[in-house]
Each structure stands twice: as C-alpha cells, then as structure tokens.
Amino acid sequence: MLNIIKQKIEMDAFLKQKLEFICDFCNTTPLIYKGSIKTIEHTNLMYV
C-alpha cells in the first residue's frame, strides 16, 4: 500500500526579506507561493 506524506514548506522571514531586496534591485516583483512537498513512503519520489 502506498502512503503519501504531505509536508508544508515554511519560508523564513529573513530569506523572504533577502529575496524581496534582490527583486527590488532588479526592478521586478516577486511572486512567492505557499506550497507543500508530497512524499511517497518507502521511495525516493517527491513532488512539490
């Protein structure tokens, strides 16, 4: 039987601030989506 494990991706506020600074320097706007990682147990397959 396949078990699918779902984990949320947490982004640190410091990392988000750095990305926004870099995008401001390049005159672009960042699009940051909240996502998750889905892992199939007993395999090395992962989906974002």
N, C-alpha and C. Protein backbone atom coordinates (compact mmCIF):
# COMPACT_ATOMS: atom_id res chain seq x y z
N MET A 1 0.84 -1.18 0.00
CA MET A 1 0.00 0.00 0.00
C MET A 1 0.88 1.25 0.00
N LEU A 2 0.51 2.23 -0.78
CA LEU A 2 1.28 3.48 -0.86
C LEU A 2 0.74 4.49 0.14
N ASN A 3 1.64 5.04 0.93
CA ASN A 3 1.28 6.11 1.85
C ASN A 3 1.91 7.40 1.33
N ILE A 4 1.10 8.43 1.20
CA ILE A 4 1.58 9.72 0.72
C ILE A 4 1.64 10.66 1.92
N ILE A 5 2.83 11.21 2.16
CA ILE A 5 3.05 12.12 3.29
C ILE A 5 3.13 13.53 2.73
N LYS A 6 2.34 14.45 3.29
CA LYS A 6 2.31 15.83 2.83
C LYS A 6 2.91 16.72 3.92
N GLN A 7 3.93 17.53 3.54
CA GLN A 7 4.59 18.43 4.48
C GLN A 7 4.54 19.85 3.93
N LYS A 8 4.24 20.81 4.79
CA LYS A 8 4.24 22.21 4.38
C LYS A 8 5.65 22.73 4.28
N ILE A 9 5.88 23.64 3.34
CA ILE A 9 7.16 24.30 3.19
C ILE A 9 7.07 25.63 3.94
N GLU A 10 7.94 25.81 4.92
CA GLU A 10 7.97 27.04 5.69
C GLU A 10 9.13 27.90 5.20
N MET A 11 8.84 29.17 4.92
CA MET A 11 9.89 30.09 4.48
C MET A 11 10.21 31.03 5.63
N ASP A 12 11.49 31.16 5.91
CA ASP A 12 11.95 32.04 6.96
C ASP A 12 11.75 33.49 6.53
N ALA A 13 11.41 34.36 7.47
CA ALA A 13 11.18 35.77 7.16
C ALA A 13 12.45 36.44 6.66
N PHE A 14 13.61 36.02 7.18
CA PHE A 14 14.89 36.59 6.75
C PHE A 14 15.16 36.25 5.28
N LEU A 15 14.88 35.02 4.88
CA LEU A 15 15.06 34.62 3.48
C LEU A 15 14.11 35.39 2.57
N LYS A 16 12.88 35.55 3.00
CA LYS A 16 11.90 36.29 2.21
C LYS A 16 12.33 37.75 2.03
N GLN A 17 12.89 38.34 3.08
CA GLN A 17 13.36 39.72 3.02
C GLN A 17 14.53 39.84 2.04
N LYS A 18 15.43 38.87 2.04
CA LYS A 18 16.56 38.89 1.10
C LYS A 18 16.07 38.78 -0.34
N LEU A 19 15.11 37.89 -0.60
CA LEU A 19 14.57 37.74 -1.95
C LEU A 19 13.89 39.02 -2.43
N GLU A 20 13.14 39.66 -1.55
CA GLU A 20 12.48 40.90 -1.92
C GLU A 20 13.49 42.00 -2.21
N PHE A 21 14.59 42.04 -1.45
CA PHE A 21 15.63 43.04 -1.69
C PHE A 21 16.27 42.83 -3.06
N ILE A 22 16.58 41.58 -3.40
CA ILE A 22 17.18 41.27 -4.69
C ILE A 22 16.22 41.65 -5.83
N CYS A 23 14.95 41.35 -5.66
CA CYS A 23 13.97 41.67 -6.70
C CYS A 23 13.79 43.19 -6.85
N ASP A 24 13.86 43.93 -5.73
CA ASP A 24 13.79 45.39 -5.82
C ASP A 24 14.99 45.94 -6.57
N PHE A 25 16.15 45.36 -6.36
CA PHE A 25 17.36 45.78 -7.05
C PHE A 25 17.23 45.56 -8.55
N CYS A 26 16.54 44.50 -8.96
CA CYS A 26 16.38 44.17 -10.38
C CYS A 26 15.10 44.76 -10.98
N ASN A 27 14.38 45.56 -10.20
CA ASN A 27 13.13 46.19 -10.64
C ASN A 27 12.08 45.17 -11.07
N THR A 28 11.93 44.13 -10.29
CA THR A 28 10.89 43.12 -10.54
C THR A 28 10.09 42.93 -9.25
N THR A 29 8.95 42.28 -9.38
CA THR A 29 8.15 41.96 -8.19
C THR A 29 8.14 40.45 -8.01
N PRO A 30 8.44 39.99 -6.81
CA PRO A 30 8.46 38.54 -6.58
C PRO A 30 7.05 37.98 -6.41
N LEU A 31 6.85 36.78 -6.90
CA LEU A 31 5.62 36.03 -6.65
C LEU A 31 6.01 34.81 -5.83
N ILE A 32 5.64 34.82 -4.56
CA ILE A 32 6.02 33.75 -3.66
C ILE A 32 4.74 32.98 -3.30
N TYR A 33 4.74 31.70 -3.65
CA TYR A 33 3.59 30.84 -3.37
C TYR A 33 3.88 29.94 -2.18
N LYS A 34 2.86 29.73 -1.36
CA LYS A 34 2.99 28.76 -0.28
C LYS A 34 2.73 27.38 -0.87
N GLY A 35 3.59 26.45 -0.56
CA GLY A 35 3.45 25.13 -1.17
C GLY A 35 3.67 24.02 -0.17
N SER A 36 3.72 22.82 -0.70
CA SER A 36 3.94 21.65 0.14
C SER A 36 4.73 20.61 -0.65
N ILE A 37 5.32 19.70 0.09
CA ILE A 37 6.07 18.60 -0.51
C ILE A 37 5.28 17.32 -0.25
N LYS A 38 5.03 16.57 -1.30
CA LYS A 38 4.35 15.28 -1.16
C LYS A 38 5.37 14.18 -1.39
N THR A 39 5.51 13.30 -0.42
CA THR A 39 6.48 12.21 -0.48
C THR A 39 5.74 10.88 -0.45
N ILE A 40 6.13 9.97 -1.32
CA ILE A 40 5.58 8.62 -1.30
C ILE A 40 6.49 7.78 -0.42
N GLU A 41 5.91 7.20 0.62
CA GLU A 41 6.68 6.45 1.61
C GLU A 41 7.38 5.24 0.99
N HIS A 42 8.59 4.96 1.44
CA HIS A 42 9.43 3.84 1.01
C HIS A 42 9.94 3.99 -0.43
N THR A 43 9.94 5.24 -0.95
CA THR A 43 10.53 5.52 -2.25
C THR A 43 11.33 6.79 -2.14
N ASN A 44 12.01 7.18 -3.22
CA ASN A 44 12.71 8.44 -3.21
C ASN A 44 12.00 9.46 -4.10
N LEU A 45 10.69 9.32 -4.31
CA LEU A 45 9.92 10.23 -5.13
C LEU A 45 9.34 11.34 -4.27
N MET A 46 9.51 12.59 -4.75
CA MET A 46 8.96 13.76 -4.07
C MET A 46 8.34 14.68 -5.10
N TYR A 47 7.23 15.30 -4.75
CA TYR A 47 6.55 16.25 -5.61
C TYR A 47 6.37 17.55 -4.86
N VAL A 48 6.63 18.66 -5.53
CA VAL A 48 6.45 19.98 -4.91
C VAL A 48 5.17 20.58 -5.43
